[in-house]
Amino acid sequence: MNRAFLIETANQLKQVSSLSADEYALKSDQLIGKMNQLMLEKDDIESLVGKDNLAMMKDNHSNHVRFMLSVFRNYTPEVLVETILWVFRAYRSHGFTTNYWARQLNTWIGLLKDELSSDCYFELYPYYEWMQINIPLFVKVSDEKLDASEFLH
């Protein structure tokens, strides 16, 4: 299993309706605010994101919502996969742990279920489930890219 597998499985995700994308956009500020609050309330947050990285975590949540909105409006599997791989490399190089991504995605899923209409939630959920299921593969593939880039230097 590799990058090609990620793209192949991402190809199975369905384009979100404009109605659901619009609802997500309308509630984006609310979602970001609640996500930040929920993550900051976690006792082990510093061990998940690294020392002095709370502002970076908040930026990640804002970037996540903006990126996912672009995915929901114009879905391209390759862009989804490459961006997630970049995120894993970039944030892990700043001290974010792989456990952060599992906790973050679990929190997003719960938050989306609570804050969005059921129709919208059920359209968006497959993307979050796909990201969650593939965390180990994102780690593996992003590690391989990190190792390859170190070899080139």
N, C-alpha and C. Protein backbone atom coordinates (compact mmCIF):
# COMPACT_ATOMS: atom_id res chain seq x y z
N MET A 1 0.85 -1.18 0.00
CA MET A 1 0.00 0.00 0.00
C MET A 1 0.89 1.24 0.00
N ASN A 2 0.54 2.15 -0.90
CA ASN A 2 1.37 3.33 -1.10
C ASN A 2 0.52 4.50 -1.57
N ARG A 3 1.17 5.53 -2.10
CA ARG A 3 0.48 6.72 -2.59
C ARG A 3 -0.58 6.35 -3.64
N ALA A 4 -0.24 5.44 -4.55
CA ALA A 4 -1.19 5.03 -5.59
C ALA A 4 -2.44 4.40 -4.97
N PHE A 5 -2.25 3.62 -3.91
CA PHE A 5 -3.39 3.02 -3.22
C PHE A 5 -4.26 4.11 -2.59
N LEU A 6 -3.63 5.11 -1.99
CA LEU A 6 -4.39 6.21 -1.39
C LEU A 6 -5.23 6.92 -2.45
N ILE A 7 -4.64 7.17 -3.61
CA ILE A 7 -5.39 7.84 -4.69
C ILE A 7 -6.51 6.95 -5.19
N GLU A 8 -6.23 5.66 -5.33
CA GLU A 8 -7.26 4.72 -5.79
C GLU A 8 -8.45 4.70 -4.83
N THR A 9 -8.18 4.65 -3.53
CA THR A 9 -9.29 4.63 -2.57
C THR A 9 -9.97 5.99 -2.49
N ALA A 10 -9.21 7.06 -2.64
CA ALA A 10 -9.80 8.41 -2.63
C ALA A 10 -10.72 8.60 -3.83
N ASN A 11 -10.43 7.92 -4.92
CA ASN A 11 -11.30 7.99 -6.11
C ASN A 11 -12.70 7.46 -5.84
N GLN A 12 -12.85 6.68 -4.80
CA GLN A 12 -14.16 6.12 -4.47
C GLN A 12 -15.05 7.10 -3.70
N LEU A 13 -14.47 8.20 -3.22
CA LEU A 13 -15.26 9.21 -2.52
C LEU A 13 -16.10 9.98 -3.54
N LYS A 14 -17.29 10.34 -3.13
CA LYS A 14 -18.22 11.03 -4.03
C LYS A 14 -18.15 12.54 -3.82
N GLN A 15 -18.30 13.28 -4.91
CA GLN A 15 -18.37 14.74 -4.84
C GLN A 15 -19.53 15.14 -3.93
N VAL A 16 -19.27 16.09 -3.05
CA VAL A 16 -20.28 16.59 -2.12
C VAL A 16 -21.21 17.53 -2.87
N SER A 17 -22.48 17.54 -2.51
CA SER A 17 -23.44 18.44 -3.14
C SER A 17 -23.11 19.89 -2.80
N SER A 18 -23.51 20.80 -3.66
CA SER A 18 -23.26 22.22 -3.39
C SER A 18 -24.02 22.67 -2.14
N LEU A 19 -25.15 22.06 -1.87
CA LEU A 19 -25.92 22.39 -0.67
C LEU A 19 -25.13 22.06 0.60
N SER A 20 -24.50 20.90 0.63
CA SER A 20 -23.70 20.52 1.79
C SER A 20 -22.42 21.35 1.90
N ALA A 21 -21.78 21.62 0.77
CA ALA A 21 -20.59 22.48 0.79
C ALA A 21 -20.96 23.87 1.30
N ASP A 22 -22.11 24.38 0.88
CA ASP A 22 -22.55 25.70 1.34
C ASP A 22 -22.83 25.70 2.85
N GLU A 23 -23.43 24.64 3.35
CA GLU A 23 -23.69 24.56 4.79
C GLU A 23 -22.38 24.53 5.57
N TYR A 24 -21.42 23.73 5.09
CA TYR A 24 -20.10 23.65 5.72
C TYR A 24 -19.44 25.04 5.71
N ALA A 25 -19.52 25.74 4.59
CA ALA A 25 -18.94 27.08 4.49
C ALA A 25 -19.62 28.04 5.46
N LEU A 26 -20.93 27.99 5.52
CA LEU A 26 -21.70 28.87 6.39
C LEU A 26 -21.32 28.68 7.86
N LYS A 27 -21.03 27.46 8.24
CA LYS A 27 -20.74 27.14 9.64
C LYS A 27 -19.24 27.03 9.92
N SER A 28 -18.40 27.41 8.96
CA SER A 28 -16.96 27.18 9.09
C SER A 28 -16.35 27.89 10.29
N ASP A 29 -16.67 29.15 10.51
CA ASP A 29 -16.10 29.87 11.66
C ASP A 29 -16.51 29.22 12.98
N GLN A 30 -17.77 28.84 13.04
CA GLN A 30 -18.30 28.17 14.24
C GLN A 30 -17.58 26.83 14.46
N LEU A 31 -17.37 26.08 13.40
CA LEU A 31 -16.69 24.80 13.50
C LEU A 31 -15.25 24.97 13.98
N ILE A 32 -14.55 25.95 13.43
CA ILE A 32 -13.16 26.19 13.83
C ILE A 32 -13.09 26.58 15.31
N GLY A 33 -13.96 27.48 15.72
CA GLY A 33 -13.97 27.92 17.12
C GLY A 33 -14.23 26.78 18.08
N LYS A 34 -15.21 25.95 17.76
CA LYS A 34 -15.53 24.82 18.64
C LYS A 34 -14.44 23.77 18.62
N MET A 35 -13.82 23.56 17.45
CA MET A 35 -12.73 22.59 17.35
C MET A 35 -11.56 23.03 18.22
N ASN A 36 -11.20 24.30 18.13
CA ASN A 36 -10.12 24.80 18.96
C ASN A 36 -10.43 24.63 20.44
N GLN A 37 -11.64 24.95 20.82
CA GLN A 37 -12.05 24.82 22.22
C GLN A 37 -11.96 23.37 22.68
N LEU A 38 -12.51 22.45 21.89
CA LEU A 38 -12.49 21.03 22.26
C LEU A 38 -11.07 20.49 22.37
N MET A 39 -10.21 20.85 21.44
CA MET A 39 -8.83 20.35 21.48
C MET A 39 -8.05 20.96 22.63
N LEU A 40 -8.27 22.24 22.92
CA LEU A 40 -7.56 22.88 24.03
C LEU A 40 -7.98 22.32 25.38
N GLU A 41 -9.18 21.75 25.45
CA GLU A 41 -9.66 21.16 26.70
C GLU A 41 -9.04 19.80 26.99
N LYS A 42 -8.37 19.21 26.02
CA LYS A 42 -7.77 17.89 26.22
C LYS A 42 -6.53 18.01 27.12
N ASP A 43 -6.51 17.17 28.16
CA ASP A 43 -5.42 17.22 29.14
C ASP A 43 -4.05 16.97 28.52
N ASP A 44 -4.00 16.16 27.48
CA ASP A 44 -2.72 15.77 26.89
C ASP A 44 -2.39 16.52 25.61
N ILE A 45 -3.01 17.69 25.41
CA ILE A 45 -2.87 18.37 24.13
C ILE A 45 -1.41 18.70 23.82
N GLU A 46 -0.64 19.13 24.82
CA GLU A 46 0.76 19.49 24.53
C GLU A 46 1.57 18.27 24.10
N SER A 47 1.24 17.11 24.65
CA SER A 47 1.97 15.91 24.23
C SER A 47 1.57 15.49 22.81
N LEU A 48 0.41 15.92 22.35
CA LEU A 48 -0.04 15.60 21.00
C LEU A 48 0.55 16.54 19.95
N VAL A 49 0.66 17.83 20.29
CA VAL A 49 1.10 18.82 19.29
C VAL A 49 2.51 19.33 19.51
N GLY A 50 3.11 19.02 20.65
CA GLY A 50 4.45 19.50 20.93
C GLY A 50 4.42 20.80 21.71
N LYS A 51 5.51 21.09 22.34
CA LYS A 51 5.63 22.28 23.18
C LYS A 51 5.50 23.55 22.34
N ASP A 52 4.72 24.47 22.84
CA ASP A 52 4.53 25.80 22.22
C ASP A 52 3.93 25.74 20.81
N ASN A 53 3.14 24.71 20.54
CA ASN A 53 2.54 24.58 19.21
C ASN A 53 1.02 24.78 19.19
N LEU A 54 0.45 25.36 20.24
CA LEU A 54 -1.00 25.53 20.27
C LEU A 54 -1.48 26.50 19.18
N ALA A 55 -0.73 27.55 18.93
CA ALA A 55 -1.11 28.49 17.86
C ALA A 55 -1.04 27.79 16.50
N MET A 56 -0.03 26.95 16.31
CA MET A 56 0.09 26.21 15.06
C MET A 56 -1.08 25.23 14.90
N MET A 57 -1.50 24.62 16.01
CA MET A 57 -2.64 23.72 15.96
C MET A 57 -3.90 24.48 15.53
N LYS A 58 -4.11 25.66 16.09
CA LYS A 58 -5.28 26.47 15.71
C LYS A 58 -5.21 26.84 14.23
N ASP A 59 -4.03 27.21 13.76
CA ASP A 59 -3.86 27.51 12.33
C ASP A 59 -4.21 26.28 11.49
N ASN A 60 -3.78 25.11 11.96
CA ASN A 60 -4.09 23.87 11.25
C ASN A 60 -5.59 23.68 11.14
N HIS A 61 -6.33 23.96 12.20
CA HIS A 61 -7.78 23.78 12.16
C HIS A 61 -8.43 24.74 11.16
N SER A 62 -7.95 25.97 11.13
CA SER A 62 -8.46 26.93 10.13
C SER A 62 -8.12 26.49 8.72
N ASN A 63 -6.87 26.08 8.52
CA ASN A 63 -6.45 25.61 7.20
C ASN A 63 -7.22 24.36 6.79
N HIS A 64 -7.48 23.49 7.76
CA HIS A 64 -8.23 22.26 7.48
C HIS A 64 -9.61 22.59 6.91
N VAL A 65 -10.31 23.49 7.57
CA VAL A 65 -11.67 23.83 7.12
C VAL A 65 -11.63 24.48 5.74
N ARG A 66 -10.70 25.39 5.51
CA ARG A 66 -10.61 26.02 4.18
C ARG A 66 -10.27 25.00 3.10
N PHE A 67 -9.32 24.12 3.41
CA PHE A 67 -8.94 23.10 2.44
C PHE A 67 -10.10 22.14 2.17
N MET A 68 -10.73 21.65 3.22
CA MET A 68 -11.82 20.70 3.03
C MET A 68 -12.97 21.35 2.26
N LEU A 69 -13.21 22.62 2.48
CA LEU A 69 -14.25 23.30 1.71
C LEU A 69 -13.89 23.29 0.23
N SER A 70 -12.63 23.53 -0.10
CA SER A 70 -12.22 23.48 -1.50
C SER A 70 -12.38 22.07 -2.06
N VAL A 71 -12.10 21.06 -1.25
CA VAL A 71 -12.29 19.66 -1.66
C VAL A 71 -13.78 19.40 -1.90
N PHE A 72 -14.61 19.87 -1.00
CA PHE A 72 -16.06 19.63 -1.12
C PHE A 72 -16.65 20.35 -2.33
N ARG A 73 -16.07 21.47 -2.71
CA ARG A 73 -16.59 22.22 -3.87
C ARG A 73 -16.05 21.70 -5.20
N ASN A 74 -14.84 21.15 -5.20
CA ASN A 74 -14.23 20.71 -6.45
C ASN A 74 -13.27 19.56 -6.15
N TYR A 75 -13.81 18.38 -6.04
CA TYR A 75 -13.04 17.24 -5.57
C TYR A 75 -12.07 16.70 -6.61
N THR A 76 -10.80 16.60 -6.19
CA THR A 76 -9.74 15.99 -6.99
C THR A 76 -8.95 15.06 -6.07
N PRO A 77 -9.08 13.75 -6.24
CA PRO A 77 -8.42 12.81 -5.33
C PRO A 77 -6.92 13.03 -5.16
N GLU A 78 -6.22 13.34 -6.25
CA GLU A 78 -4.78 13.54 -6.17
C GLU A 78 -4.42 14.72 -5.28
N VAL A 79 -5.20 15.79 -5.37
CA VAL A 79 -4.95 16.97 -4.55
C VAL A 79 -5.20 16.63 -3.08
N LEU A 80 -6.25 15.90 -2.80
CA LEU A 80 -6.53 15.49 -1.43
C LEU A 80 -5.37 14.69 -0.85
N VAL A 81 -4.92 13.68 -1.57
CA VAL A 81 -3.84 12.81 -1.09
C VAL A 81 -2.54 13.59 -0.92
N GLU A 82 -2.14 14.34 -1.94
CA GLU A 82 -0.86 15.06 -1.86
C GLU A 82 -0.86 16.11 -0.75
N THR A 83 -1.99 16.77 -0.55
CA THR A 83 -2.06 17.78 0.50
C THR A 83 -1.97 17.14 1.88
N ILE A 84 -2.67 16.03 2.07
CA ILE A 84 -2.60 15.35 3.37
C ILE A 84 -1.19 14.85 3.63
N LEU A 85 -0.53 14.31 2.63
CA LEU A 85 0.85 13.87 2.81
C LEU A 85 1.75 15.04 3.18
N TRP A 86 1.57 16.18 2.53
CA TRP A 86 2.35 17.36 2.86
C TRP A 86 2.08 17.79 4.31
N VAL A 87 0.80 17.79 4.70
CA VAL A 87 0.43 18.18 6.07
C VAL A 87 1.11 17.26 7.09
N PHE A 88 1.07 15.97 6.84
CA PHE A 88 1.70 15.02 7.77
C PHE A 88 3.19 15.30 7.90
N ARG A 89 3.87 15.53 6.79
CA ARG A 89 5.31 15.82 6.85
C ARG A 89 5.57 17.14 7.56
N ALA A 90 4.86 18.18 7.18
CA ALA A 90 5.12 19.52 7.71
C ALA A 90 4.84 19.60 9.21
N TYR A 91 3.68 19.14 9.63
CA TYR A 91 3.32 19.29 11.04
C TYR A 91 4.10 18.33 11.93
N ARG A 92 4.38 17.14 11.45
CA ARG A 92 5.19 16.21 12.24
C ARG A 92 6.61 16.75 12.41
N SER A 93 7.12 17.46 11.43
CA SER A 93 8.47 18.04 11.57
C SER A 93 8.50 19.14 12.63
N HIS A 94 7.32 19.64 13.01
CA HIS A 94 7.21 20.66 14.06
C HIS A 94 6.83 20.07 15.41
N GLY A 95 6.76 18.74 15.52
CA GLY A 95 6.50 18.10 16.80
C GLY A 95 5.11 17.53 17.00
N PHE A 96 4.25 17.62 15.99
CA PHE A 96 2.93 17.00 16.10
C PHE A 96 3.10 15.49 16.01
N THR A 97 2.38 14.76 16.86
CA THR A 97 2.48 13.31 16.86
C THR A 97 1.43 12.69 15.95
N THR A 98 1.63 11.45 15.59
CA THR A 98 0.63 10.77 14.77
C THR A 98 -0.67 10.60 15.55
N ASN A 99 -0.59 10.51 16.87
CA ASN A 99 -1.81 10.40 17.69
C ASN A 99 -2.67 11.66 17.60
N TYR A 100 -2.04 12.81 17.33
CA TYR A 100 -2.81 14.05 17.16
C TYR A 100 -3.83 13.89 16.05
N TRP A 101 -3.42 13.28 14.93
CA TRP A 101 -4.32 13.19 13.77
C TRP A 101 -5.53 12.32 14.09
N ALA A 102 -5.32 11.24 14.83
CA ALA A 102 -6.44 10.38 15.21
C ALA A 102 -7.39 11.14 16.13
N ARG A 103 -6.85 11.84 17.12
CA ARG A 103 -7.69 12.61 18.04
C ARG A 103 -8.39 13.74 17.31
N GLN A 104 -7.65 14.42 16.43
CA GLN A 104 -8.24 15.54 15.69
C GLN A 104 -9.40 15.05 14.83
N LEU A 105 -9.19 13.99 14.07
CA LEU A 105 -10.25 13.51 13.17
C LEU A 105 -11.44 12.98 13.96
N ASN A 106 -11.21 12.30 15.07
CA ASN A 106 -12.33 11.86 15.92
C ASN A 106 -13.13 13.07 16.41
N THR A 107 -12.42 14.12 16.77
CA THR A 107 -13.08 15.33 17.26
C THR A 107 -13.85 16.01 16.14
N TRP A 108 -13.25 16.10 14.94
CA TRP A 108 -13.97 16.68 13.80
C TRP A 108 -15.25 15.90 13.52
N ILE A 109 -15.16 14.58 13.52
CA ILE A 109 -16.34 13.75 13.22
C ILE A 109 -17.46 14.03 14.21
N GLY A 110 -17.14 14.04 15.49
CA GLY A 110 -18.16 14.34 16.50
C GLY A 110 -18.73 15.73 16.35
N LEU A 111 -17.87 16.68 16.07
CA LEU A 111 -18.29 18.07 15.91
C LEU A 111 -19.19 18.24 14.69
N LEU A 112 -18.81 17.64 13.59
CA LEU A 112 -19.64 17.73 12.37
C LEU A 112 -21.00 17.09 12.60
N LYS A 113 -21.03 15.99 13.33
CA LYS A 113 -22.30 15.31 13.61
C LYS A 113 -23.21 16.21 14.46
N ASP A 114 -22.60 16.93 15.41
CA ASP A 114 -23.38 17.79 16.30
C ASP A 114 -23.81 19.10 15.64
N GLU A 115 -23.00 19.64 14.74
CA GLU A 115 -23.23 20.99 14.24
C GLU A 115 -23.87 21.08 12.85
N LEU A 116 -23.79 20.01 12.07
CA LEU A 116 -24.32 20.04 10.70
C LEU A 116 -25.64 19.28 10.62
N SER A 117 -26.40 19.59 9.59
CA SER A 117 -27.63 18.81 9.36
C SER A 117 -27.23 17.36 9.09
N SER A 118 -28.15 16.45 9.31
CA SER A 118 -27.81 15.04 9.10
C SER A 118 -27.48 14.76 7.64
N ASP A 119 -28.17 15.41 6.71
CA ASP A 119 -27.86 15.21 5.29
C ASP A 119 -26.43 15.64 4.97
N CYS A 120 -26.05 16.80 5.48
CA CYS A 120 -24.70 17.32 5.25
C CYS A 120 -23.67 16.40 5.90
N TYR A 121 -23.91 16.05 7.15
CA TYR A 121 -22.98 15.18 7.87
C TYR A 121 -22.74 13.88 7.10
N PHE A 122 -23.82 13.25 6.64
CA PHE A 122 -23.65 11.96 5.96
C PHE A 122 -22.96 12.09 4.61
N GLU A 123 -22.97 13.27 4.01
CA GLU A 123 -22.20 13.48 2.77
C GLU A 123 -20.72 13.69 3.07
N LEU A 124 -20.42 14.38 4.16
CA LEU A 124 -19.03 14.70 4.49
C LEU A 124 -18.32 13.56 5.23
N TYR A 125 -19.08 12.79 5.99
CA TYR A 125 -18.48 11.75 6.83
C TYR A 125 -17.54 10.81 6.07
N PRO A 126 -17.86 10.34 4.86
CA PRO A 126 -16.94 9.43 4.18
C PRO A 126 -15.52 9.99 3.99
N TYR A 127 -15.39 11.29 3.81
CA TYR A 127 -14.07 11.90 3.68
C TYR A 127 -13.29 11.77 4.99
N TYR A 128 -13.97 12.06 6.08
CA TYR A 128 -13.31 11.99 7.39
C TYR A 128 -13.01 10.54 7.77
N GLU A 129 -13.91 9.65 7.46
CA GLU A 129 -13.66 8.23 7.73
C GLU A 129 -12.46 7.75 6.91
N TRP A 130 -12.41 8.16 5.64
CA TRP A 130 -11.30 7.77 4.77
C TRP A 130 -9.97 8.30 5.33
N MET A 131 -9.96 9.56 5.76
CA MET A 131 -8.73 10.11 6.33
C MET A 131 -8.34 9.35 7.60
N GLN A 132 -9.31 9.07 8.44
CA GLN A 132 -9.06 8.40 9.70
C GLN A 132 -8.51 6.98 9.48
N ILE A 133 -9.14 6.24 8.61
CA ILE A 133 -8.72 4.86 8.34
C ILE A 133 -7.30 4.83 7.78
N ASN A 134 -6.94 5.85 7.01
CA ASN A 134 -5.66 5.84 6.32
C ASN A 134 -4.52 6.54 7.06
N ILE A 135 -4.73 6.92 8.32
CA ILE A 135 -3.64 7.56 9.08
C ILE A 135 -2.36 6.74 9.04
N PRO A 136 -2.40 5.43 9.32
CA PRO A 136 -1.13 4.67 9.28
C PRO A 136 -0.43 4.73 7.92
N LEU A 137 -1.21 4.73 6.85
CA LEU A 137 -0.62 4.79 5.51
C LEU A 137 -0.08 6.19 5.22
N PHE A 138 -0.78 7.23 5.67
CA PHE A 138 -0.24 8.59 5.52
C PHE A 138 1.09 8.72 6.24
N VAL A 139 1.19 8.13 7.42
CA VAL A 139 2.44 8.16 8.17
C VAL A 139 3.53 7.44 7.39
N LYS A 140 3.23 6.25 6.91
CA LYS A 140 4.21 5.44 6.18
C LYS A 140 4.70 6.16 4.92
N VAL A 141 3.77 6.64 4.11
CA VAL A 141 4.15 7.28 2.84
C VAL A 141 4.86 8.61 3.10
N SER A 142 4.40 9.38 4.07
CA SER A 142 5.08 10.65 4.36
C SER A 142 6.46 10.40 4.94
N ASP A 143 6.64 9.34 5.74
CA ASP A 143 7.97 8.97 6.23
C ASP A 143 8.90 8.61 5.08
N GLU A 144 8.39 7.87 4.11
CA GLU A 144 9.20 7.48 2.95
C GLU A 144 9.66 8.72 2.19
N LYS A 145 8.78 9.70 2.03
CA LYS A 145 9.15 10.92 1.32
C LYS A 145 10.19 11.71 2.12
N LEU A 146 10.03 11.73 3.45
CA LEU A 146 11.03 12.40 4.29
C LEU A 146 12.38 11.72 4.16
N ASP A 147 12.39 10.38 4.23
CA ASP A 147 13.63 9.63 4.10
C ASP A 147 14.28 9.87 2.73
N ALA A 148 13.47 9.90 1.68
CA ALA A 148 13.99 10.12 0.33
C ALA A 148 14.58 11.53 0.19
N SER A 149 13.94 12.52 0.78
CA SER A 149 14.47 13.87 0.66
C SER A 149 15.76 14.03 1.44
N GLU A 150 15.88 13.35 2.59
CA GLU A 150 17.13 13.40 3.33
C GLU A 150 18.25 12.72 2.55
N PHE A 151 17.93 11.68 1.83
CA PHE A 151 18.92 10.95 1.04
C PHE A 151 19.46 11.83 -0.09
N LEU A 152 18.62 12.69 -0.64
CA LEU A 152 19.01 13.54 -1.76
C LEU A 152 19.94 14.66 -1.34
N HIS A 153 19.94 15.02 -0.07
CA HIS A 153 20.77 16.15 0.40
C HIS A 153 22.17 15.73 0.71
